[in-house]
Amino acid sequence: MDYSLVVLVPLIFQVLGTFITKWDEGKAVCDTLLSTKKTTHMYAERLAELAVDLGFDGWLVNNSLSLCAY
């Protein structure tokens, strides 16, 4: 794997973290994250907490997958 699911970029360069999903590994992650409203909400809260705690503005979500609506 040549990418990281969650990347925290030093604030001197930009103020967004990146959340990247690619390939089979990314699909498996998305299937877990989006499996229920409860898990989707929980992971969104964790990412928001990381942004607040580390002082950046939010997330750039880069999804290179075709996802099914459940």
PDB file of N, CA and C in Angstrom:
ATOM      1  N   MET A   1       0.857  -1.171   0.000  1.00  0.00           N
ATOM      2  CA  MET A   1       0.000   0.000   0.000  1.00  0.00           C
ATOM      3  C   MET A   1       0.903   1.234   0.000  1.00  0.00           C
ATOM      4  N   ASP A   2       0.672   2.146  -0.923  1.00  0.00           N
ATOM      5  CA  ASP A   2       1.523   3.332  -0.999  1.00  0.00           C
ATOM      6  C   ASP A   2       0.787   4.611  -0.601  1.00  0.00           C
ATOM      7  N   TYR A   3      -0.199   4.490   0.250  1.00  0.00           N
ATOM      8  CA  TYR A   3      -0.901   5.652   0.776  1.00  0.00           C
ATOM      9  C   TYR A   3      -1.330   5.342   2.201  1.00  0.00           C
ATOM     10  N   SER A   4      -1.742   6.364   2.916  1.00  0.00           N
ATOM     11  CA  SER A   4      -2.258   6.192   4.270  1.00  0.00           C
ATOM     12  C   SER A   4      -3.714   6.606   4.279  1.00  0.00           C
ATOM     13  N   LEU A   5      -4.524   5.880   5.028  1.00  0.00           N
ATOM     14  CA  LEU A   5      -5.944   6.184   5.112  1.00  0.00           C
ATOM     15  C   LEU A   5      -6.177   7.574   5.682  1.00  0.00           C
ATOM     16  N   VAL A   6      -5.489   7.888   6.761  1.00  0.00           N
ATOM     17  CA  VAL A   6      -5.613   9.197   7.399  1.00  0.00           C
ATOM     18  C   VAL A   6      -4.233   9.820   7.433  1.00  0.00           C
ATOM     19  N   VAL A   7      -4.115  11.047   6.923  1.00  0.00           N
ATOM     20  CA  VAL A   7      -2.837  11.750   6.894  1.00  0.00           C
ATOM     21  C   VAL A   7      -3.009  13.081   7.618  1.00  0.00           C
ATOM     22  N   LEU A   8      -2.117  13.359   8.554  1.00  0.00           N
ATOM     23  CA  LEU A   8      -2.121  14.638   9.260  1.00  0.00           C
ATOM     24  C   LEU A   8      -0.962  15.465   8.721  1.00  0.00           C
ATOM     25  N   VAL A   9      -1.291  16.539   8.011  1.00  0.00           N
ATOM     26  CA  VAL A   9      -0.295  17.356   7.341  1.00  0.00           C
ATOM     27  C   VAL A   9       0.119  18.492   8.271  1.00  0.00           C
ATOM     28  N   PRO A  10       1.432  18.767   8.375  1.00  0.00           N
ATOM     29  CA  PRO A  10       1.868  19.882   9.223  1.00  0.00           C
ATOM     30  C   PRO A  10       1.155  21.181   8.852  1.00  0.00           C
ATOM     31  N   LEU A  11       0.781  21.939   9.859  1.00  0.00           N
ATOM     32  CA  LEU A  11      -0.009  23.155   9.629  1.00  0.00           C
ATOM     33  C   LEU A  11       0.718  24.219   8.823  1.00  0.00           C
ATOM     34  N   ILE A  12       2.029  24.153   8.741  1.00  0.00           N
ATOM     35  CA  ILE A  12       2.736  25.160   7.949  1.00  0.00           C
ATOM     36  C   ILE A  12       2.452  24.994   6.461  1.00  0.00           C
ATOM     37  N   PHE A  13       1.966  23.826   6.051  1.00  0.00           N
ATOM     38  CA  PHE A  13       1.697  23.576   4.641  1.00  0.00           C
ATOM     39  C   PHE A  13       0.224  23.743   4.275  1.00  0.00           C
ATOM     40  N   GLN A  14      -0.656  23.252   5.101  1.00  0.00           N
ATOM     41  CA  GLN A  14      -2.086  23.385   4.836  1.00  0.00           C
ATOM     42  C   GLN A  14      -2.849  23.102   6.114  1.00  0.00           C
ATOM     43  N   VAL A  15      -4.138  23.359   6.090  1.00  0.00           N
ATOM     44  CA  VAL A  15      -4.933  23.218   7.303  1.00  0.00           C
ATOM     45  C   VAL A  15      -5.979  22.120   7.182  1.00  0.00           C
ATOM     46  N   LEU A  16      -5.749  21.167   6.293  1.00  0.00           N
ATOM     47  CA  LEU A  16      -6.665  20.049   6.138  1.00  0.00           C
ATOM     48  C   LEU A  16      -5.927  18.730   6.326  1.00  0.00           C
ATOM     49  N   GLY A  17      -6.575  17.787   6.991  1.00  0.00           N
ATOM     50  CA  GLY A  17      -6.102  16.411   6.967  1.00  0.00           C
ATOM     51  C   GLY A  17      -6.695  15.784   5.722  1.00  0.00           C
ATOM     52  N   THR A  18      -6.134  14.679   5.280  1.00  0.00           N
ATOM     53  CA  THR A  18      -6.701  13.994   4.119  1.00  0.00           C
ATOM     54  C   THR A  18      -7.159  12.601   4.523  1.00  0.00           C
ATOM     55  N   PHE A  19      -8.281  12.215   3.983  1.00  0.00           N
ATOM     56  CA  PHE A  19      -8.857  10.890   4.195  1.00  0.00           C
ATOM     57  C   PHE A  19      -8.973  10.265   2.816  1.00  0.00           C
ATOM     58  N   ILE A  20      -8.136   9.256   2.548  1.00  0.00           N
ATOM     59  CA  ILE A  20      -8.029   8.699   1.202  1.00  0.00           C
ATOM     60  C   ILE A  20      -8.441   7.237   1.211  1.00  0.00           C
ATOM     61  N   THR A  21      -9.321   6.863   0.287  1.00  0.00           N
ATOM     62  CA  THR A  21      -9.697   5.461   0.131  1.00  0.00           C
ATOM     63  C   THR A  21      -9.444   5.041  -1.305  1.00  0.00           C
ATOM     64  N   LYS A  22      -8.706   3.931  -1.467  1.00  0.00           N
ATOM     65  CA  LYS A  22      -8.375   3.392  -2.786  1.00  0.00           C
ATOM     66  C   LYS A  22      -8.333   1.875  -2.709  1.00  0.00           C
ATOM     67  N   TRP A  23      -8.511   1.253  -3.850  1.00  0.00           N
ATOM     68  CA  TRP A  23      -8.309  -0.182  -4.040  1.00  0.00           C
ATOM     69  C   TRP A  23      -9.167  -1.036  -3.109  1.00  0.00           C
ATOM     70  N   ASP A  24      -8.852  -2.300  -3.019  1.00  0.00           N
ATOM     71  CA  ASP A  24      -9.632  -3.233  -2.202  1.00  0.00           C
ATOM     72  C   ASP A  24      -9.582  -2.883  -0.720  1.00  0.00           C
ATOM     73  N   GLU A  25      -8.416  -2.434  -0.260  1.00  0.00           N
ATOM     74  CA  GLU A  25      -8.286  -2.056   1.149  1.00  0.00           C
ATOM     75  C   GLU A  25      -9.205  -0.892   1.490  1.00  0.00           C
ATOM     76  N   GLY A  26      -9.267   0.080   0.612  1.00  0.00           N
ATOM     77  CA  GLY A  26     -10.140   1.228   0.830  1.00  0.00           C
ATOM     78  C   GLY A  26     -11.609   0.844   0.805  1.00  0.00           C
ATOM     79  N   LYS A  27     -11.970  -0.070  -0.086  1.00  0.00           N
ATOM     80  CA  LYS A  27     -13.355  -0.540  -0.128  1.00  0.00           C
ATOM     81  C   LYS A  27     -13.729  -1.226   1.170  1.00  0.00           C
ATOM     82  N   ALA A  28     -12.815  -2.049   1.709  1.00  0.00           N
ATOM     83  CA  ALA A  28     -13.076  -2.724   2.987  1.00  0.00           C
ATOM     84  C   ALA A  28     -13.253  -1.700   4.107  1.00  0.00           C
ATOM     85  N   VAL A  29     -12.431  -0.654   4.114  1.00  0.00           N
ATOM     86  CA  VAL A  29     -12.553   0.400   5.121  1.00  0.00           C
ATOM     87  C   VAL A  29     -13.899   1.101   4.986  1.00  0.00           C
ATOM     88  N   CYS A  30     -14.265   1.475   3.767  1.00  0.00           N
ATOM     89  CA  CYS A  30     -15.544   2.158   3.548  1.00  0.00           C
ATOM     90  C   CYS A  30     -16.722   1.269   3.932  1.00  0.00           C
ATOM     91  N   ASP A  31     -16.623  -0.021   3.621  1.00  0.00           N
ATOM     92  CA  ASP A  31     -17.699  -0.930   4.004  1.00  0.00           C
ATOM     93  C   ASP A  31     -17.895  -0.934   5.517  1.00  0.00           C
ATOM     94  N   THR A  32     -16.794  -0.863   6.263  1.00  0.00           N
ATOM     95  CA  THR A  32     -16.881  -0.820   7.724  1.00  0.00           C
ATOM     96  C   THR A  32     -17.406   0.535   8.194  1.00  0.00           C
ATOM     97  N   LEU A  33     -16.818   1.607   7.677  1.00  0.00           N
ATOM     98  CA  LEU A  33     -17.215   2.952   8.110  1.00  0.00           C
ATOM     99  C   LEU A  33     -18.675   3.249   7.822  1.00  0.00           C
ATOM    100  N   LEU A  34     -19.155   2.781   6.694  1.00  0.00           N
ATOM    101  CA  LEU A  34     -20.496   3.139   6.243  1.00  0.00           C
ATOM    102  C   LEU A  34     -21.514   2.026   6.462  1.00  0.00           C
ATOM    103  N   SER A  35     -21.175   1.036   7.270  1.00  0.00           N
ATOM    104  CA  SER A  35     -22.051  -0.131   7.432  1.00  0.00           C
ATOM    105  C   SER A  35     -23.375   0.208   8.115  1.00  0.00           C
ATOM    106  N   THR A  36     -23.354   1.132   9.057  1.00  0.00           N
ATOM    107  CA  THR A  36     -24.579   1.560   9.733  1.00  0.00           C
ATOM    108  C   THR A  36     -24.506   3.058   9.982  1.00  0.00           C
ATOM    109  N   LYS A  37     -25.638   3.658  10.281  1.00  0.00           N
ATOM    110  CA  LYS A  37     -25.630   5.078  10.649  1.00  0.00           C
ATOM    111  C   LYS A  37     -24.800   5.301  11.908  1.00  0.00           C
ATOM    112  N   LYS A  38     -24.847   4.349  12.830  1.00  0.00           N
ATOM    113  CA  LYS A  38     -24.109   4.476  14.088  1.00  0.00           C
ATOM    114  C   LYS A  38     -22.601   4.502  13.836  1.00  0.00           C
ATOM    115  N   THR A  39     -22.080   3.576  13.013  1.00  0.00           N
ATOM    116  CA  THR A  39     -20.635   3.573  12.763  1.00  0.00           C
ATOM    117  C   THR A  39     -20.220   4.791  11.937  1.00  0.00           C
ATOM    118  N   THR A  40     -21.045   5.189  10.976  1.00  0.00           N
ATOM    119  CA  THR A  40     -20.733   6.372  10.184  1.00  0.00           C
ATOM    120  C   THR A  40     -20.616   7.597  11.080  1.00  0.00           C
ATOM    121  N   HIS A  41     -21.560   7.763  11.986  1.00  0.00           N
ATOM    122  CA  HIS A  41     -21.554   8.895  12.915  1.00  0.00           C
ATOM    123  C   HIS A  41     -20.344   8.829  13.843  1.00  0.00           C
ATOM    124  N   MET A  42     -20.041   7.635  14.362  1.00  0.00           N
ATOM    125  CA  MET A  42     -18.911   7.477  15.280  1.00  0.00           C
ATOM    126  C   MET A  42     -17.589   7.880  14.615  1.00  0.00           C
ATOM    127  N   TYR A  43     -17.347   7.383  13.392  1.00  0.00           N
ATOM    128  CA  TYR A  43     -16.092   7.715  12.711  1.00  0.00           C
ATOM    129  C   TYR A  43     -16.044   9.195  12.336  1.00  0.00           C
ATOM    130  N   ALA A  44     -17.164   9.773  11.955  1.00  0.00           N
ATOM    131  CA  ALA A  44     -17.192  11.206  11.659  1.00  0.00           C
ATOM    132  C   ALA A  44     -16.852  12.020  12.908  1.00  0.00           C
ATOM    133  N   GLU A  45     -17.373  11.603  14.044  1.00  0.00           N
ATOM    134  CA  GLU A  45     -17.050  12.291  15.306  1.00  0.00           C
ATOM    135  C   GLU A  45     -15.567  12.186  15.630  1.00  0.00           C
ATOM    136  N   ARG A  46     -14.969  11.003  15.423  1.00  0.00           N
ATOM    137  CA  ARG A  46     -13.540  10.836  15.721  1.00  0.00           C
ATOM    138  C   ARG A  46     -12.692  11.732  14.829  1.00  0.00           C
ATOM    139  N   LEU A  47     -13.034  11.805  13.540  1.00  0.00           N
ATOM    140  CA  LEU A  47     -12.280  12.671  12.639  1.00  0.00           C
ATOM    141  C   LEU A  47     -12.449  14.143  13.016  1.00  0.00           C
ATOM    142  N   ALA A  48     -13.652  14.530  13.417  1.00  0.00           N
ATOM    143  CA  ALA A  48     -13.879  15.910  13.862  1.00  0.00           C
ATOM    144  C   ALA A  48     -13.071  16.210  15.123  1.00  0.00           C
ATOM    145  N   GLU A  49     -13.032  15.265  16.051  1.00  0.00           N
ATOM    146  CA  GLU A  49     -12.237  15.449  17.273  1.00  0.00           C
ATOM    147  C   GLU A  49     -10.755  15.612  16.952  1.00  0.00           C
ATOM    148  N   LEU A  50     -10.241  14.803  16.020  1.00  0.00           N
ATOM    149  CA  LEU A  50      -8.838  14.945  15.614  1.00  0.00           C
ATOM    150  C   LEU A  50      -8.572  16.334  15.055  1.00  0.00           C
ATOM    151  N   ALA A  51      -9.463  16.827  14.210  1.00  0.00           N
ATOM    152  CA  ALA A  51      -9.287  18.155  13.622  1.00  0.00           C
ATOM    153  C   ALA A  51      -9.254  19.225  14.714  1.00  0.00           C
ATOM    154  N   VAL A  52     -10.189  19.160  15.643  1.00  0.00           N
ATOM    155  CA  VAL A  52     -10.242  20.150  16.723  1.00  0.00           C
ATOM    156  C   VAL A  52      -9.008  20.048  17.614  1.00  0.00           C
ATOM    157  N   ASP A  53      -8.686  18.834  18.047  1.00  0.00           N
ATOM    158  CA  ASP A  53      -7.553  18.640  18.958  1.00  0.00           C
ATOM    159  C   ASP A  53      -6.225  19.064  18.347  1.00  0.00           C
ATOM    160  N   LEU A  54      -6.069  18.866  17.037  1.00  0.00           N
ATOM    161  CA  LEU A  54      -4.805  19.187  16.385  1.00  0.00           C
ATOM    162  C   LEU A  54      -4.809  20.556  15.713  1.00  0.00           C
ATOM    163  N   GLY A  55      -5.937  21.264  15.795  1.00  0.00           N
ATOM    164  CA  GLY A  55      -5.995  22.652  15.350  1.00  0.00           C
ATOM    165  C   GLY A  55      -6.059  22.871  13.854  1.00  0.00           C
ATOM    166  N   PHE A  56      -6.613  21.928  13.113  1.00  0.00           N
ATOM    167  CA  PHE A  56      -6.795  22.225  11.699  1.00  0.00           C
ATOM    168  C   PHE A  56      -8.277  22.308  11.364  1.00  0.00           C
ATOM    169  N   ASP A  57      -8.572  22.749  10.151  1.00  0.00           N
ATOM    170  CA  ASP A  57      -9.939  23.140   9.796  1.00  0.00           C
ATOM    171  C   ASP A  57     -10.862  22.002   9.397  1.00  0.00           C
ATOM    172  N   GLY A  58     -10.336  20.896   8.963  1.00  0.00           N
ATOM    173  CA  GLY A  58     -11.211  19.811   8.532  1.00  0.00           C
ATOM    174  C   GLY A  58     -10.474  18.793   7.701  1.00  0.00           C
ATOM    175  N   TRP A  59     -11.223  18.136   6.835  1.00  0.00           N
ATOM    176  CA  TRP A  59     -10.706  17.008   6.071  1.00  0.00           C
ATOM    177  C   TRP A  59     -10.975  17.171   4.588  1.00  0.00           C
ATOM    178  N   LEU A  60      -9.997  16.798   3.791  1.00  0.00           N
ATOM    179  CA  LEU A  60     -10.182  16.606   2.364  1.00  0.00           C
ATOM    180  C   LEU A  60     -10.447  15.114   2.193  1.00  0.00           C
ATOM    181  N   VAL A  61     -11.611  14.756   1.694  1.00  0.00           N
ATOM    182  CA  VAL A  61     -11.962  13.352   1.487  1.00  0.00           C
ATOM    183  C   VAL A  61     -11.726  13.023   0.018  1.00  0.00           C
ATOM    184  N   ASN A  62     -10.827  12.080  -0.225  1.00  0.00           N
ATOM    185  CA  ASN A  62     -10.498  11.641  -1.571  1.00  0.00           C
ATOM    186  C   ASN A  62     -10.934  10.193  -1.703  1.00  0.00           C
ATOM    187  N   ASN A  63     -12.085   9.979  -2.321  1.00  0.00           N
ATOM    188  CA  ASN A  63     -12.627   8.641  -2.478  1.00  0.00           C
ATOM    189  C   ASN A  63     -12.532   8.248  -3.954  1.00  0.00           C
ATOM    190  N   SER A  64     -11.704   7.251  -4.242  1.00  0.00           N
ATOM    191  CA  SER A  64     -11.523   6.798  -5.614  1.00  0.00           C
ATOM    192  C   SER A  64     -12.319   5.526  -5.898  1.00  0.00           C
ATOM    193  N   LEU A  65     -13.347   5.284  -5.113  1.00  0.00           N
ATOM    194  CA  LEU A  65     -14.103   4.040  -5.207  1.00  0.00           C
ATOM    195  C   LEU A  65     -15.530   4.288  -5.657  1.00  0.00           C
ATOM    196  N   SER A  66     -16.134   3.269  -6.188  1.00  0.00           N
ATOM    197  CA  SER A  66     -17.561   3.278  -6.462  1.00  0.00           C
ATOM    198  C   SER A  66     -18.229   2.576  -5.288  1.00  0.00           C
ATOM    199  N   LEU A  67     -19.029   3.307  -4.523  1.00  0.00           N
ATOM    200  CA  LEU A  67     -19.653   2.747  -3.328  1.00  0.00           C
ATOM    201  C   LEU A  67     -21.137   2.514  -3.571  1.00  0.00           C
ATOM    202  N   CYS A  68     -21.654   1.490  -2.948  1.00  0.00           N
ATOM    203  CA  CYS A  68     -23.082   1.166  -3.048  1.00  0.00           C
ATOM    204  C   CYS A  68     -23.837   1.870  -1.934  1.00  0.00           C
ATOM    205  N   ALA A  69     -25.036   2.311  -2.220  1.00  0.00           N
ATOM    206  CA  ALA A  69     -25.898   2.878  -1.193  1.00  0.00           C
ATOM    207  C   ALA A  69     -26.567   1.719  -0.462  1.00  0.00           C
ATOM    208  N   TYR A  70     -26.565   1.777   0.860  1.00  0.00           N
ATOM    209  CA  TYR A  70     -27.161   0.713   1.660  1.00  0.00           C
ATOM    210  C   TYR A  70     -28.521   1.140   2.150  1.00  0.00           C
TER     211      TYR A  70
END
